[in-house]
Protein backbone atom coordinates (compact mmCIF):
# COMPACT_ATOMS: atom_id res chain seq x y z
CA UNK A 1 11.47 -9.64 102.88
CA UNK A 2 14.79 -9.90 100.86
CA UNK A 3 13.76 -12.98 99.60
CA UNK A 4 10.41 -11.71 98.13
CA UNK A 5 12.31 -8.72 96.78
CA UNK A 6 15.15 -10.92 95.17
CA UNK A 7 12.77 -13.03 93.65
CA UNK A 8 10.91 -10.31 92.47
CA UNK A 9 7.47 -11.31 93.86
CA UNK A 10 4.82 -9.26 91.72
CA UNK A 11 2.64 -8.21 95.18
CA UNK A 12 6.07 -6.73 96.43
CA UNK A 13 5.75 -3.95 94.36
CA UNK A 14 2.54 -2.74 96.24
CA UNK A 15 4.06 -2.58 99.32
CA UNK A 16 7.12 -0.89 98.96
CA UNK A 17 7.10 3.10 99.95
CA UNK A 18 9.97 4.18 97.47
CA UNK A 19 9.98 8.05 97.58
CA UNK A 20 9.91 10.56 100.46
CA UNK A 21 6.39 11.13 100.15
CA UNK A 22 5.19 7.52 100.15
CA UNK A 23 7.38 6.76 102.91
CA UNK A 24 5.53 9.83 104.70
CA UNK A 25 2.10 8.43 103.77
CA UNK A 26 3.49 4.83 104.86
CA UNK A 27 3.97 6.29 108.38
CA UNK A 28 0.59 8.11 108.27
CA UNK A 29 -1.30 4.89 107.16
CA UNK A 30 0.72 2.98 109.68
CA UNK A 31 -0.47 5.01 112.61
CA UNK A 32 -3.92 5.23 111.59
CA UNK A 33 -3.88 1.11 111.10
CA UNK A 34 -2.32 0.70 114.15
CA UNK A 35 -4.98 2.75 115.94
CA UNK A 36 -7.93 1.78 114.29
CA UNK A 37 -7.18 -2.04 113.87
CA UNK A 38 -6.84 -2.36 117.65
CA UNK A 39 -9.86 -0.32 118.28
CA UNK A 40 -11.78 -2.44 115.99
CA UNK A 41 -10.33 -6.05 116.74
CA UNK A 42 -9.16 -6.11 120.31
CA UNK A 43 -11.34 -3.33 121.76
CA UNK A 44 -14.72 -4.06 119.86
CA UNK A 45 -14.64 -7.62 118.31
CA UNK A 46 -12.89 -9.61 120.81
CA UNK A 47 -15.21 -8.63 123.77
CA UNK A 48 -18.33 -9.31 121.21
CA UNK A 49 -17.54 -12.57 120.41
CA UNK A 50 -16.02 -13.31 123.85
CA UNK A 51 -19.72 -12.40 125.01
CA UNK A 52 -21.59 -14.58 121.96
CA UNK A 53 -19.31 -17.72 122.63
CA UNK A 54 -18.99 -17.33 126.47
CA UNK A 55 -15.38 -17.65 126.60
CA UNK A 56 -12.94 -14.64 126.33
CA UNK A 57 -10.40 -17.18 125.18
CA UNK A 58 -12.20 -18.46 122.30
CA UNK A 59 -13.57 -14.85 121.51
CA UNK A 60 -9.71 -14.01 121.36
CA UNK A 61 -8.76 -16.96 119.34
CA UNK A 62 -11.64 -16.78 116.77
CA UNK A 63 -10.76 -12.95 116.53
CA UNK A 64 -7.05 -13.58 115.78
CA UNK A 65 -7.88 -15.83 113.27
CA UNK A 66 -10.23 -13.50 111.46
CA UNK A 67 -7.53 -10.73 111.68
CA UNK A 68 -4.90 -12.94 109.92
CA UNK A 69 -7.77 -13.83 107.51
CA UNK A 70 -8.18 -10.00 106.80
CA UNK A 71 -4.56 -10.14 105.87
CA UNK A 72 -4.84 -12.95 103.18
CA UNK A 73 -3.72 -10.50 100.41
CA UNK A 74 -0.34 -10.82 102.00
CA UNK A 75 -0.14 -14.37 101.40
CA UNK A 76 -0.55 -17.75 103.44
CA UNK A 77 2.57 -17.56 105.12
CA UNK A 78 2.34 -13.82 106.20
CA UNK A 79 -1.32 -14.37 107.39
CA UNK A 80 -0.56 -17.34 109.25
CA UNK A 81 2.18 -15.30 111.17
CA UNK A 82 -0.25 -12.29 111.48
CA UNK A 83 -2.63 -14.60 113.45
CA UNK A 84 0.09 -15.16 116.08
CA UNK A 85 0.68 -11.14 116.10
CA UNK A 86 -2.75 -10.87 116.66
CA UNK A 87 -2.85 -13.19 119.81
CA UNK A 88 0.36 -11.13 120.88
CA UNK A 89 -1.73 -7.88 120.64
CA UNK A 90 -4.43 -9.81 122.67
CA UNK A 91 -2.00 -10.72 125.16
CA UNK A 92 -1.02 -6.97 125.55
CA UNK A 93 -4.43 -5.65 126.00
CA UNK A 94 -5.68 -8.29 128.59
CA UNK A 95 -2.23 -7.94 130.56
CA UNK A 96 -2.34 -4.09 130.57
CA UNK A 97 -6.03 -3.78 130.56
CA UNK A 98 -5.78 -0.90 127.82
CA UNK A 99 -5.50 -0.86 124.08
CA UNK A 100 -2.50 1.56 124.27
CA UNK A 101 0.35 -0.86 124.17
CA UNK A 102 -1.02 -3.05 121.42
CA UNK A 103 -1.49 0.07 119.42
CA UNK A 104 1.90 1.14 119.81
CA UNK A 105 3.58 -2.12 119.09
CA UNK A 106 1.29 -2.53 115.95
CA UNK A 107 1.98 0.99 114.56
CA UNK A 108 5.70 0.59 115.37
CA UNK A 109 5.77 -2.67 113.86
CA UNK A 110 3.86 -1.51 110.66
CA UNK A 111 6.21 1.51 110.35
CA UNK A 112 9.21 -0.52 110.74
CA UNK A 113 8.30 -3.25 108.34
CA UNK A 114 7.26 -1.01 105.54
CA UNK A 115 10.26 1.44 105.69
CA UNK A 116 12.61 -1.79 105.94
CA UNK A 117 10.92 -3.40 103.05
CA UNK A 118 11.38 0.09 100.97
CA UNK A 119 15.07 0.01 102.05
CA UNK A 120 15.68 -3.38 100.72
CA UNK A 121 14.09 -2.57 97.69
CA UNK A 122 16.13 0.25 96.99
CA UNK A 123 19.32 -1.45 97.87
CA UNK A 124 18.49 -4.23 95.38
CA UNK A 125 17.54 -1.78 92.79
CA UNK A 126 20.69 -0.03 93.23
CA UNK A 127 22.54 -3.44 92.65
CA UNK A 128 20.34 -4.01 89.46
CA UNK A 129 18.38 -6.84 91.20
CA UNK A 130 15.08 -4.94 91.15
CA UNK A 131 13.48 -2.93 88.51
CA UNK A 132 12.43 0.54 89.08
CA UNK A 133 8.91 1.19 90.52
CA UNK A 134 7.79 3.12 87.74
CA UNK A 135 8.23 -0.46 85.67
CA UNK A 136 5.91 -2.87 87.54
CA UNK A 137 6.46 -5.66 84.87
CA UNK A 138 8.87 -8.18 86.76
């Protein structure tokens, strides 16, 4: 995260909640994403794929890869890491026989990631490493 901000990657601008209002909305969106993505991917898609493929392992793996591909706007490295997160979320669902732990971890991760990203950006901005958000030209 720090490296992306320090090197002023253009896509970073779109993922940084910088004002108190944006941070509040980030939390709301993170909660909704954590709940809805887990229902959609682990609660519905994985069982459907497992049934179609005849294997819960294959269904979980294909679903995890598709989940990573669905986050491709974050870049190849992040998408690949997200596949591993998806497998971890699937493991939580299988171990607990519930979507709730995966939902909790997912939304806590999303909230933490966004707020941390924003904090790094504010620190860099205060050190004149990062342009003001109102000026998106890097």
